[in-house]
PDB file of all heavy atoms in Angstrom:
ATOM      1  N   ASN A   1       0.823  -1.215   0.001  1.00  0.00           N
ATOM      2  CA  ASN A   1       0.000   0.000   0.000  1.00  0.00           C
ATOM      3  C   ASN A   1       0.855   1.262   0.001  1.00  0.00           C
ATOM      4  O   ASN A   1       0.901   2.014   0.990  1.00  0.00           O
ATOM      5  CB  ASN A   1      -0.940   0.022   1.211  1.00  0.00           C
ATOM      6  CG  ASN A   1      -1.909  -1.146   1.211  1.00  0.00           C
ATOM      7  OD1 ASN A   1      -2.362  -1.603   0.168  1.00  0.00           O
ATOM      8  ND2 ASN A   1      -2.207  -1.661   2.391  1.00  0.00           N
ATOM      9  N   LEU A   2       1.519   1.494  -1.100  1.00  0.00           N
ATOM     10  CA  LEU A   2       2.377   2.669  -1.232  1.00  0.00           C
ATOM     11  C   LEU A   2       1.516   3.852  -1.663  1.00  0.00           C
ATOM     12  O   LEU A   2       0.814   3.793  -2.677  1.00  0.00           O
ATOM     13  CB  LEU A   2       3.458   2.384  -2.276  1.00  0.00           C
ATOM     14  CG  LEU A   2       4.776   3.126  -2.123  1.00  0.00           C
ATOM     15  CD1 LEU A   2       5.430   2.790  -0.792  1.00  0.00           C
ATOM     16  CD2 LEU A   2       5.703   2.770  -3.273  1.00  0.00           C
ATOM     17  N   VAL A   3       1.551   4.930  -0.900  1.00  0.00           N
ATOM     18  CA  VAL A   3       0.679   6.082  -1.117  1.00  0.00           C
ATOM     19  C   VAL A   3       1.504   7.303  -1.491  1.00  0.00           C
ATOM     20  O   VAL A   3       2.354   7.760  -0.711  1.00  0.00           O
ATOM     21  CB  VAL A   3      -0.155   6.389   0.147  1.00  0.00           C
ATOM     22  CG1 VAL A   3      -1.049   7.601  -0.091  1.00  0.00           C
ATOM     23  CG2 VAL A   3      -0.974   5.175   0.548  1.00  0.00           C
ATOM     24  N   LEU A   4       1.263   7.832  -2.692  1.00  0.00           N
ATOM     25  CA  LEU A   4       1.829   9.119  -3.087  1.00  0.00           C
ATOM     26  C   LEU A   4       0.916  10.191  -2.498  1.00  0.00           C
ATOM     27  O   LEU A   4      -0.240  10.337  -2.915  1.00  0.00           O
ATOM     28  CB  LEU A   4       1.895   9.229  -4.611  1.00  0.00           C
ATOM     29  CG  LEU A   4       2.399  10.550  -5.185  1.00  0.00           C
ATOM     30  CD1 LEU A   4       3.832  10.844  -4.747  1.00  0.00           C
ATOM     31  CD2 LEU A   4       2.289  10.548  -6.711  1.00  0.00           C
ATOM     32  N   VAL A   5       1.415  10.914  -1.521  1.00  0.00           N
ATOM     33  CA  VAL A   5       0.580  11.879  -0.794  1.00  0.00           C
ATOM     34  C   VAL A   5       0.068  12.940  -1.769  1.00  0.00           C
ATOM     35  O   VAL A   5       0.845  13.582  -2.481  1.00  0.00           O
ATOM     36  CB  VAL A   5       1.377  12.537   0.353  1.00  0.00           C
ATOM     37  CG1 VAL A   5       0.520  13.576   1.067  1.00  0.00           C
ATOM     38  CG2 VAL A   5       1.856  11.464   1.329  1.00  0.00           C
ATOM     39  N   PRO A   6      -1.273  13.114  -1.833  1.00  0.00           N
ATOM     40  CA  PRO A   6      -1.842  14.009  -2.849  1.00  0.00           C
ATOM     41  C   PRO A   6      -1.672  15.477  -2.521  1.00  0.00           C
ATOM     42  O   PRO A   6      -1.490  15.870  -1.365  1.00  0.00           O
ATOM     43  CB  PRO A   6      -3.334  13.619  -2.846  1.00  0.00           C
ATOM     44  CG  PRO A   6      -3.582  13.112  -1.462  1.00  0.00           C
ATOM     45  CD  PRO A   6      -2.304  12.417  -1.054  1.00  0.00           C
ATOM     46  N   GLY A   7      -1.766  16.277  -3.576  1.00  0.00           N
ATOM     47  CA  GLY A   7      -1.814  17.714  -3.414  1.00  0.00           C
ATOM     48  C   GLY A   7      -3.249  18.167  -3.227  1.00  0.00           C
ATOM     49  O   GLY A   7      -4.122  17.397  -2.825  1.00  0.00           O
ATOM     50  N   GLU A   8      -3.532  19.426  -3.569  1.00  0.00           N
ATOM     51  CA  GLU A   8      -4.841  20.007  -3.289  1.00  0.00           C
ATOM     52  C   GLU A   8      -5.740  20.079  -4.510  1.00  0.00           C
ATOM     53  O   GLU A   8      -6.929  20.379  -4.384  1.00  0.00           O
ATOM     54  CB  GLU A   8      -4.663  21.412  -2.712  1.00  0.00           C
ATOM     55  CG  GLU A   8      -3.895  21.432  -1.379  1.00  0.00           C
ATOM     56  CD  GLU A   8      -3.718  22.833  -0.848  1.00  0.00           C
ATOM     57  OE1 GLU A   8      -4.070  23.794  -1.577  1.00  0.00           O
ATOM     58  OE2 GLU A   8      -3.233  22.978   0.286  1.00  0.00           O
ATOM     59  N   LYS A   9      -5.237  19.787  -5.716  1.00  0.00           N
ATOM     60  CA  LYS A   9      -6.027  20.037  -6.927  1.00  0.00           C
ATOM     61  C   LYS A   9      -6.555  18.747  -7.543  1.00  0.00           C
ATOM     62  O   LYS A   9      -5.862  17.727  -7.567  1.00  0.00           O
ATOM     63  CB  LYS A   9      -5.164  20.785  -7.952  1.00  0.00           C
ATOM     64  CG  LYS A   9      -4.724  22.161  -7.467  1.00  0.00           C
ATOM     65  CD  LYS A   9      -3.818  22.852  -8.462  1.00  0.00           C
ATOM     66  CE  LYS A   9      -3.397  24.227  -7.925  1.00  0.00           C
ATOM     67  NZ  LYS A   9      -2.456  24.911  -8.826  1.00  0.00           N
ATOM     68  N   ASP A  10      -7.795  18.824  -8.069  1.00  0.00           N
ATOM     69  CA  ASP A  10      -8.344  17.706  -8.816  1.00  0.00           C
ATOM     70  C   ASP A  10      -7.812  17.753 -10.242  1.00  0.00           C
ATOM     71  O   ASP A  10      -6.946  18.589 -10.573  1.00  0.00           O
ATOM     72  CB  ASP A  10      -9.880  17.734  -8.790  1.00  0.00           C
ATOM     73  CG  ASP A  10     -10.464  19.016  -9.376  1.00  0.00           C
ATOM     74  OD1 ASP A  10      -9.730  19.798 -10.009  1.00  0.00           O
ATOM     75  OD2 ASP A  10     -11.681  19.239  -9.200  1.00  0.00           O
ATOM     76  N   LEU A  11      -8.300  16.852 -11.106  1.00  0.00           N
ATOM     77  CA  LEU A  11      -7.746  16.794 -12.468  1.00  0.00           C
ATOM     78  C   LEU A  11      -7.959  18.098 -13.219  1.00  0.00           C
ATOM     79  O   LEU A  11      -7.068  18.560 -13.948  1.00  0.00           O
ATOM     80  CB  LEU A  11      -8.366  15.623 -13.231  1.00  0.00           C
ATOM     81  CG  LEU A  11      -7.819  15.403 -14.645  1.00  0.00           C
ATOM     82  CD1 LEU A  11      -6.313  15.157 -14.618  1.00  0.00           C
ATOM     83  CD2 LEU A  11      -8.542  14.262 -15.335  1.00  0.00           C
ATOM     84  N   VAL A  12      -9.131  18.721 -13.046  1.00  0.00           N
ATOM     85  CA  VAL A  12      -9.379  20.008 -13.708  1.00  0.00           C
ATOM     86  C   VAL A  12      -8.374  21.050 -13.232  1.00  0.00           C
ATOM     87  O   VAL A  12      -7.811  21.815 -14.026  1.00  0.00           O
ATOM     88  CB  VAL A  12     -10.831  20.472 -13.447  1.00  0.00           C
ATOM     89  CG1 VAL A  12     -11.034  21.897 -13.973  1.00  0.00           C
ATOM     90  CG2 VAL A  12     -11.823  19.521 -14.102  1.00  0.00           C
ATOM     91  N   GLY A  13      -8.128  21.068 -11.923  1.00  0.00           N
ATOM     92  CA  GLY A  13      -7.144  21.993 -11.379  1.00  0.00           C
ATOM     93  C   GLY A  13      -5.744  21.699 -11.875  1.00  0.00           C
ATOM     94  O   GLY A  13      -4.947  22.627 -12.102  1.00  0.00           O
ATOM     95  N   MET A  14      -5.419  20.418 -12.049  1.00  0.00           N
ATOM     96  CA  MET A  14      -4.093  20.049 -12.568  1.00  0.00           C
ATOM     97  C   MET A  14      -3.924  20.502 -14.018  1.00  0.00           C
ATOM     98  O   MET A  14      -2.840  20.934 -14.424  1.00  0.00           O
ATOM     99  CB  MET A  14      -3.904  18.543 -12.451  1.00  0.00           C
ATOM    100  CG  MET A  14      -3.794  18.039 -11.015  1.00  0.00           C
ATOM    101  SD  MET A  14      -2.253  18.503 -10.197  1.00  0.00           S
ATOM    102  CE  MET A  14      -1.115  17.343 -10.969  1.00  0.00           C
ATOM    103  N   LEU A  15      -4.995  20.414 -14.810  1.00  0.00           N
ATOM    104  CA  LEU A  15      -4.927  20.893 -16.196  1.00  0.00           C
ATOM    105  C   LEU A  15      -4.674  22.399 -16.216  1.00  0.00           C
ATOM    106  O   LEU A  15      -3.876  22.899 -17.025  1.00  0.00           O
ATOM    107  CB  LEU A  15      -6.223  20.567 -16.923  1.00  0.00           C
ATOM    108  CG  LEU A  15      -6.475  19.080 -17.231  1.00  0.00           C
ATOM    109  CD1 LEU A  15      -7.885  18.878 -17.762  1.00  0.00           C
ATOM    110  CD2 LEU A  15      -5.446  18.546 -18.226  1.00  0.00           C
ATOM    111  N   ARG A  16      -5.323  23.112 -15.317  1.00  0.00           N
ATOM    112  CA  ARG A  16      -5.102  24.561 -15.249  1.00  0.00           C
ATOM    113  C   ARG A  16      -3.692  24.872 -14.784  1.00  0.00           C
ATOM    114  O   ARG A  16      -3.061  25.822 -15.269  1.00  0.00           O
ATOM    115  CB  ARG A  16      -6.127  25.191 -14.310  1.00  0.00           C
ATOM    116  CG  ARG A  16      -7.544  25.164 -14.873  1.00  0.00           C
ATOM    117  CD  ARG A  16      -8.560  25.627 -13.850  1.00  0.00           C
ATOM    118  NE  ARG A  16      -9.915  25.604 -14.403  1.00  0.00           N
ATOM    119  CZ  ARG A  16     -11.017  25.569 -13.683  1.00  0.00           C
ATOM    120  NH1 ARG A  16     -10.923  25.564 -12.339  1.00  0.00           N
ATOM    121  NH2 ARG A  16     -12.204  25.546 -14.252  1.00  0.00           N
ATOM    122  N   GLU A  17      -3.187  24.063 -13.852  1.00  0.00           N
ATOM    123  CA  GLU A  17      -1.809  24.247 -13.392  1.00  0.00           C
ATOM    124  C   GLU A  17      -0.829  24.028 -14.544  1.00  0.00           C
ATOM    125  O   GLU A  17       0.175  24.745 -14.667  1.00  0.00           O
ATOM    126  CB  GLU A  17      -1.519  23.252 -12.263  1.00  0.00           C
ATOM    127  CG  GLU A  17      -0.075  23.201 -11.811  1.00  0.00           C
ATOM    128  CD  GLU A  17       0.288  24.339 -10.870  1.00  0.00           C
ATOM    129  OE1 GLU A  17      -0.620  25.038 -10.390  1.00  0.00           O
ATOM    130  OE2 GLU A  17       1.498  24.515 -10.622  1.00  0.00           O
ATOM    131  N   MET A  18      -1.117  23.038 -15.389  1.00  0.00           N
ATOM    132  CA  MET A  18      -0.229  22.747 -16.523  1.00  0.00           C
ATOM    133  C   MET A  18      -0.263  23.878 -17.532  1.00  0.00           C
ATOM    134  O   MET A  18       0.764  24.241 -18.115  1.00  0.00           O
ATOM    135  CB  MET A  18      -0.629  21.427 -17.186  1.00  0.00           C
ATOM    136  CG  MET A  18       0.230  21.088 -18.402  1.00  0.00           C
ATOM    137  SD  MET A  18       0.020  19.377 -18.977  1.00  0.00           S
ATOM    138  CE  MET A  18      -1.678  19.374 -19.501  1.00  0.00           C
ATOM    139  N   GLY A  19      -1.440  24.436 -17.782  1.00  0.00           N
ATOM    140  CA  GLY A  19      -1.552  25.498 -18.783  1.00  0.00           C
ATOM    141  C   GLY A  19      -1.541  24.922 -20.172  1.00  0.00           C
ATOM    142  O   GLY A  19      -2.575  24.593 -20.737  1.00  0.00           O
ATOM    143  N   THR A  20      -0.354  24.770 -20.733  1.00  0.00           N
ATOM    144  CA  THR A  20      -0.190  24.177 -22.063  1.00  0.00           C
ATOM    145  C   THR A  20       0.714  22.959 -21.951  1.00  0.00           C
ATOM    146  O   THR A  20       1.775  23.027 -21.323  1.00  0.00           O
ATOM    147  CB  THR A  20       0.418  25.183 -23.046  1.00  0.00           C
ATOM    148  OG1 THR A  20      -0.487  26.290 -23.204  1.00  0.00           O
ATOM    149  CG2 THR A  20       0.674  24.551 -24.407  1.00  0.00           C
ATOM    150  N   GLY A  21       0.279  21.861 -22.539  1.00  0.00           N
ATOM    151  CA  GLY A  21       1.074  20.646 -22.473  1.00  0.00           C
ATOM    152  C   GLY A  21       0.272  19.430 -22.880  1.00  0.00           C
ATOM    153  O   GLY A  21      -0.778  19.537 -23.531  1.00  0.00           O
ATOM    154  N   LEU A  22       0.736  18.272 -22.469  1.00  0.00           N
ATOM    155  CA  LEU A  22       0.154  17.009 -22.897  1.00  0.00           C
ATOM    156  C   LEU A  22      -0.404  16.249 -21.703  1.00  0.00           C
ATOM    157  O   LEU A  22       0.324  15.957 -20.750  1.00  0.00           O
ATOM    158  CB  LEU A  22       1.217  16.157 -23.603  1.00  0.00           C
ATOM    159  CG  LEU A  22       0.782  14.787 -24.103  1.00  0.00           C
ATOM    160  CD1 LEU A  22      -0.199  14.917 -25.265  1.00  0.00           C
ATOM    161  CD2 LEU A  22       1.994  13.952 -24.523  1.00  0.00           C
ATOM    162  N   LEU A  23      -1.690  15.918 -21.745  1.00  0.00           N
ATOM    163  CA  LEU A  23      -2.306  15.003 -20.787  1.00  0.00           C
ATOM    164  C   LEU A  23      -2.182  13.600 -21.374  1.00  0.00           C
ATOM    165  O   LEU A  23      -2.735  13.322 -22.435  1.00  0.00           O
ATOM    166  CB  LEU A  23      -3.772  15.367 -20.551  1.00  0.00           C
ATOM    167  CG  LEU A  23      -4.621  14.315 -19.815  1.00  0.00           C
ATOM    168  CD1 LEU A  23      -4.099  14.070 -18.410  1.00  0.00           C
ATOM    169  CD2 LEU A  23      -6.091  14.732 -19.794  1.00  0.00           C
ATOM    170  N   VAL A  24      -1.462  12.718 -20.689  1.00  0.00           N
ATOM    171  CA  VAL A  24      -1.234  11.358 -21.185  1.00  0.00           C
ATOM    172  C   VAL A  24      -2.196  10.402 -20.495  1.00  0.00           C
ATOM    173  O   VAL A  24      -2.241  10.336 -19.256  1.00  0.00           O
ATOM    174  CB  VAL A  24       0.225  10.906 -20.956  1.00  0.00           C
ATOM    175  CG1 VAL A  24       0.434   9.479 -21.447  1.00  0.00           C
ATOM    176  CG2 VAL A  24       1.181  11.861 -21.655  1.00  0.00           C
ATOM    177  N   THR A  25      -2.959   9.658 -21.298  1.00  0.00           N
ATOM    178  CA  THR A  25      -3.923   8.690 -20.756  1.00  0.00           C
ATOM    179  C   THR A  25      -3.605   7.260 -21.149  1.00  0.00           C
ATOM    180  O   THR A  25      -4.263   6.340 -20.662  1.00  0.00           O
ATOM    181  CB  THR A  25      -5.348   9.035 -21.226  1.00  0.00           C
ATOM    182  OG1 THR A  25      -5.385   9.020 -22.664  1.00  0.00           O
ATOM    183  CG2 THR A  25      -5.769  10.414 -20.716  1.00  0.00           C
ATOM    184  N   GLU A  26      -2.613   7.067 -22.016  1.00  0.00           N
ATOM    185  CA  GLU A  26      -2.217   5.704 -22.373  1.00  0.00           C
ATOM    186  C   GLU A  26      -0.726   5.687 -22.698  1.00  0.00           C
ATOM    187  O   GLU A  26      -0.219   6.590 -23.361  1.00  0.00           O
ATOM    188  CB  GLU A  26      -3.008   5.185 -23.578  1.00  0.00           C
ATOM    189  CG  GLU A  26      -2.665   3.740 -23.923  1.00  0.00           C
ATOM    190  CD  GLU A  26      -3.466   3.185 -25.091  1.00  0.00           C
ATOM    191  OE1 GLU A  26      -4.076   3.979 -25.838  1.00  0.00           O
ATOM    192  OE2 GLU A  26      -3.469   1.950 -25.262  1.00  0.00           O
ATOM    193  N   LEU A  27      -0.048   4.653 -22.205  1.00  0.00           N
ATOM    194  CA  LEU A  27       1.356   4.441 -22.519  1.00  0.00           C
ATOM    195  C   LEU A  27       1.525   3.061 -23.146  1.00  0.00           C
ATOM    196  O   LEU A  27       0.841   2.110 -22.765  1.00  0.00           O
ATOM    197  CB  LEU A  27       2.222   4.546 -21.262  1.00  0.00           C
ATOM    198  CG  LEU A  27       2.376   5.932 -20.663  1.00  0.00           C
ATOM    199  CD1 LEU A  27       3.033   5.864 -19.292  1.00  0.00           C
ATOM    200  CD2 LEU A  27       3.172   6.851 -21.592  1.00  0.00           C
ATOM    201  N   MET A  28       2.454   2.964 -24.081  1.00  0.00           N
ATOM    202  CA  MET A  28       2.697   1.709 -24.788  1.00  0.00           C
ATOM    203  C   MET A  28       4.187   1.426 -24.841  1.00  0.00           C
ATOM    204  O   MET A  28       5.009   2.337 -24.820  1.00  0.00           O
ATOM    205  CB  MET A  28       2.140   1.789 -26.212  1.00  0.00           C
ATOM    206  CG  MET A  28       0.615   1.943 -26.268  1.00  0.00           C
ATOM    207  SD  MET A  28       0.043   2.797 -27.758  1.00  0.00           S
ATOM    208  CE  MET A  28       0.270   4.519 -27.285  1.00  0.00           C
ATOM    209  N   GLY A  29       4.537   0.154 -24.930  1.00  0.00           N
ATOM    210  CA  GLY A  29       5.934  -0.220 -25.037  1.00  0.00           C
ATOM    211  C   GLY A  29       6.630  -0.260 -23.690  1.00  0.00           C
ATOM    212  O   GLY A  29       6.077   0.126 -22.663  1.00  0.00           O
ATOM    213  N   GLN A  30       7.861  -0.743 -23.706  1.00  0.00           N
ATOM    214  CA  GLN A  30       8.635  -0.935 -22.471  1.00  0.00           C
ATOM    215  C   GLN A  30       9.991  -0.253 -22.567  1.00  0.00           C
ATOM    216  O   GLN A  30      11.006  -0.817 -22.196  1.00  0.00           O
ATOM    217  CB  GLN A  30       8.813  -2.434 -22.203  1.00  0.00           C
ATOM    218  CG  GLN A  30       7.524  -3.206 -22.061  1.00  0.00           C
ATOM    219  CD  GLN A  30       6.706  -2.763 -20.870  1.00  0.00           C
ATOM    220  OE1 GLN A  30       7.246  -2.436 -19.830  1.00  0.00           O
ATOM    221  NE2 GLN A  30       5.397  -2.752 -21.016  1.00  0.00           N
ATOM    222  N   GLY A  31      10.018   0.965 -23.087  1.00  0.00           N
ATOM    223  CA  GLY A  31      11.285   1.639 -23.338  1.00  0.00           C
ATOM    224  C   GLY A  31      11.897   2.282 -22.119  1.00  0.00           C
ATOM    225  O   GLY A  31      12.044   3.513 -22.060  1.00  0.00           O
ATOM    226  N   ILE A  32      12.263   1.464 -21.143  1.00  0.00           N
ATOM    227  CA  ILE A  32      12.865   1.979 -19.907  1.00  0.00           C
ATOM    228  C   ILE A  32      14.150   1.222 -19.633  1.00  0.00           C
ATOM    229  O   ILE A  32      14.164  -0.011 -19.628  1.00  0.00           O
ATOM    230  CB  ILE A  32      11.896   1.816 -18.719  1.00  0.00           C
ATOM    231  CG1 ILE A  32      10.615   2.605 -18.982  1.00  0.00           C
ATOM    232  CG2 ILE A  32      12.547   2.280 -17.423  1.00  0.00           C
ATOM    233  CD1 ILE A  32       9.427   2.056 -18.307  1.00  0.00           C
ATOM    234  N   ASN A  33      15.239   1.959 -19.409  1.00  0.00           N
ATOM    235  CA  ASN A  33      16.512   1.347 -19.052  1.00  0.00           C
ATOM    236  C   ASN A  33      16.685   1.481 -17.542  1.00  0.00           C
ATOM    237  O   ASN A  33      16.909   2.582 -17.038  1.00  0.00           O
ATOM    238  CB  ASN A  33      17.662   2.046 -19.779  1.00  0.00           C
ATOM    239  CG  ASN A  33      18.998   1.363 -19.561  1.00  0.00           C
ATOM    240  OD1 ASN A  33      19.281   0.872 -18.477  1.00  0.00           O
ATOM    241  ND2 ASN A  33      19.806   1.334 -20.600  1.00  0.00           N
ATOM    242  N   PRO A  34      16.579   0.379 -16.778  1.00  0.00           N
ATOM    243  CA  PRO A  34      16.641   0.478 -15.320  1.00  0.00           C
ATOM    244  C   PRO A  34      18.009   0.895 -14.791  1.00  0.00           C
ATOM    245  O   PRO A  34      18.116   1.368 -13.662  1.00  0.00           O
ATOM    246  CB  PRO A  34      16.270  -0.933 -14.854  1.00  0.00           C
ATOM    247  CG  PRO A  34      16.642  -1.823 -15.997  1.00  0.00           C
ATOM    248  CD  PRO A  34      16.387  -1.017 -17.231  1.00  0.00           C
ATOM    249  N   VAL A  35      19.046   0.728 -15.602  1.00  0.00           N
ATOM    250  CA  VAL A  35      20.396   1.061 -15.155  1.00  0.00           C
ATOM    251  C   VAL A  35      20.668   2.550 -15.292  1.00  0.00           C
ATOM    252  O   VAL A  35      21.236   3.178 -14.397  1.00  0.00           O
ATOM    253  CB  VAL A  35      21.448   0.250 -15.939  1.00  0.00           C
ATOM    254  CG1 VAL A  35      22.862   0.630 -15.502  1.00  0.00           C
ATOM    255  CG2 VAL A  35      21.216  -1.245 -15.750  1.00  0.00           C
ATOM    256  N   THR A  36      20.249   3.141 -16.405  1.00  0.00           N
ATOM    257  CA  THR A  36      20.505   4.562 -16.650  1.00  0.00           C
ATOM    258  C   THR A  36      19.321   5.450 -16.304  1.00  0.00           C
ATOM    259  O   THR A  36      19.482   6.664 -16.107  1.00  0.00           O
ATOM    260  CB  THR A  36      20.862   4.783 -18.130  1.00  0.00           C
ATOM    261  OG1 THR A  36      19.720   4.447 -18.938  1.00  0.00           O
ATOM    262  CG2 THR A  36      22.051   3.920 -18.537  1.00  0.00           C
ATOM    263  N   GLY A  37      18.117   4.859 -16.273  1.00  0.00           N
ATOM    264  CA  GLY A  37      16.916   5.654 -16.053  1.00  0.00           C
ATOM    265  C   GLY A  37      16.344   6.257 -17.316  1.00  0.00           C
ATOM    266  O   GLY A  37      15.324   6.952 -17.263  1.00  0.00           O
ATOM    267  N   ASP A  38      16.950   5.993 -18.466  1.00  0.00           N
ATOM    268  CA  ASP A  38      16.420   6.533 -19.719  1.00  0.00           C
ATOM    269  C   ASP A  38      15.011   5.994 -19.958  1.00  0.00           C
ATOM    270  O   ASP A  38      14.741   4.807 -19.771  1.00  0.00           O
ATOM    271  CB  ASP A  38      17.321   6.169 -20.897  1.00  0.00           C
ATOM    272  CG  ASP A  38      18.638   6.923 -20.859  1.00  0.00           C
ATOM    273  OD1 ASP A  38      18.693   7.983 -20.217  1.00  0.00           O
ATOM    274  OD2 ASP A  38      19.618   6.450 -21.477  1.00  0.00           O
ATOM    275  N   TYR A  39      14.127   6.894 -20.395  1.00  0.00           N
ATOM    276  CA  TYR A  39      12.693   6.595 -20.473  1.00  0.00           C
ATOM    277  C   TYR A  39      12.168   7.048 -21.827  1.00  0.00           C
ATOM    278  O   TYR A  39      12.347   8.207 -22.222  1.00  0.00           O
ATOM    279  CB  TYR A  39      11.982   7.336 -19.343  1.00  0.00           C
ATOM    280  CG  TYR A  39      10.494   7.146 -19.242  1.00  0.00           C
ATOM    281  CD1 TYR A  39       9.949   6.247 -18.341  1.00  0.00           C
ATOM    282  CD2 TYR A  39       9.615   7.903 -20.021  1.00  0.00           C
ATOM    283  CE1 TYR A  39       8.563   6.088 -18.209  1.00  0.00           C
ATOM    284  CE2 TYR A  39       8.228   7.752 -19.903  1.00  0.00           C
ATOM    285  CZ  TYR A  39       7.720   6.845 -18.988  1.00  0.00           C
ATOM    286  OH  TYR A  39       6.365   6.694 -18.874  1.00  0.00           O
ATOM    287  N   SER A  40      11.500   6.141 -22.552  1.00  0.00           N
ATOM    288  CA  SER A  40      10.891   6.483 -23.834  1.00  0.00           C
ATOM    289  C   SER A  40       9.716   5.546 -24.060  1.00  0.00           C
ATOM    290  O   SER A  40       9.902   4.338 -24.193  1.00  0.00           O
ATOM    291  CB  SER A  40      11.907   6.367 -24.977  1.00  0.00           C
ATOM    292  OG  SER A  40      11.304   6.694 -26.216  1.00  0.00           O
ATOM    293  N   ARG A  41       8.497   6.101 -24.101  1.00  0.00           N
ATOM    294  CA  ARG A  41       7.299   5.287 -24.236  1.00  0.00           C
ATOM    295  C   ARG A  41       6.373   5.856 -25.297  1.00  0.00           C
ATOM    296  O   ARG A  41       6.210   7.088 -25.405  1.00  0.00           O
ATOM    297  CB  ARG A  41       6.513   5.255 -22.906  1.00  0.00           C
ATOM    298  CG  ARG A  41       7.281   4.786 -21.690  1.00  0.00           C
ATOM    299  CD  ARG A  41       7.410   3.305 -21.594  1.00  0.00           C
ATOM    300  NE  ARG A  41       6.147   2.581 -21.610  1.00  0.00           N
ATOM    301  CZ  ARG A  41       5.388   2.343 -20.537  1.00  0.00           C
ATOM    302  NH1 ARG A  41       5.754   2.825 -19.357  1.00  0.00           N
ATOM    303  NH2 ARG A  41       4.278   1.648 -20.642  1.00  0.00           N
ATOM    304  N   GLY A  42       5.748   4.980 -26.069  1.00  0.00           N
ATOM    305  CA  GLY A  42       4.672   5.415 -26.944  1.00  0.00           C
ATOM    306  C   GLY A  42       3.515   5.906 -26.098  1.00  0.00           C
ATOM    307  O   GLY A  42       3.267   5.399 -24.996  1.00  0.00           O
ATOM    308  N   ALA A  43       2.788   6.911 -26.593  1.00  0.00           N
ATOM    309  CA  ALA A  43       1.759   7.529 -25.764  1.00  0.00           C
ATOM    310  C   ALA A  43       0.574   8.011 -26.600  1.00  0.00           C
ATOM    311  O   ALA A  43       0.665   8.186 -27.822  1.00  0.00           O
ATOM    312  CB  ALA A  43       2.343   8.713 -24.985  1.00  0.00           C
ATOM    313  N   ALA A  44      -0.537   8.209 -25.916  1.00  0.00           N
ATOM    314  CA  ALA A  44      -1.726   8.844 -26.480  1.00  0.00           C
ATOM    315  C   ALA A  44      -2.371   9.652 -25.370  1.00  0.00           C
ATOM    316  O   ALA A  44      -2.181   9.378 -24.180  1.00  0.00           O
ATOM    317  CB  ALA A  44      -2.694   7.805 -27.027  1.00  0.00           C
TER     318      ALA A  44
END
């Protein structure tokens, strides 16, 4: 039961906090190097 302690904003508030950017709702592929931390995933 690992809990990431939440902030104060709901998803609508988070979108406003972001302003301009990408909301990611799906990730594909396994492009993660556990040794270096390099991260690359297909997304939508």
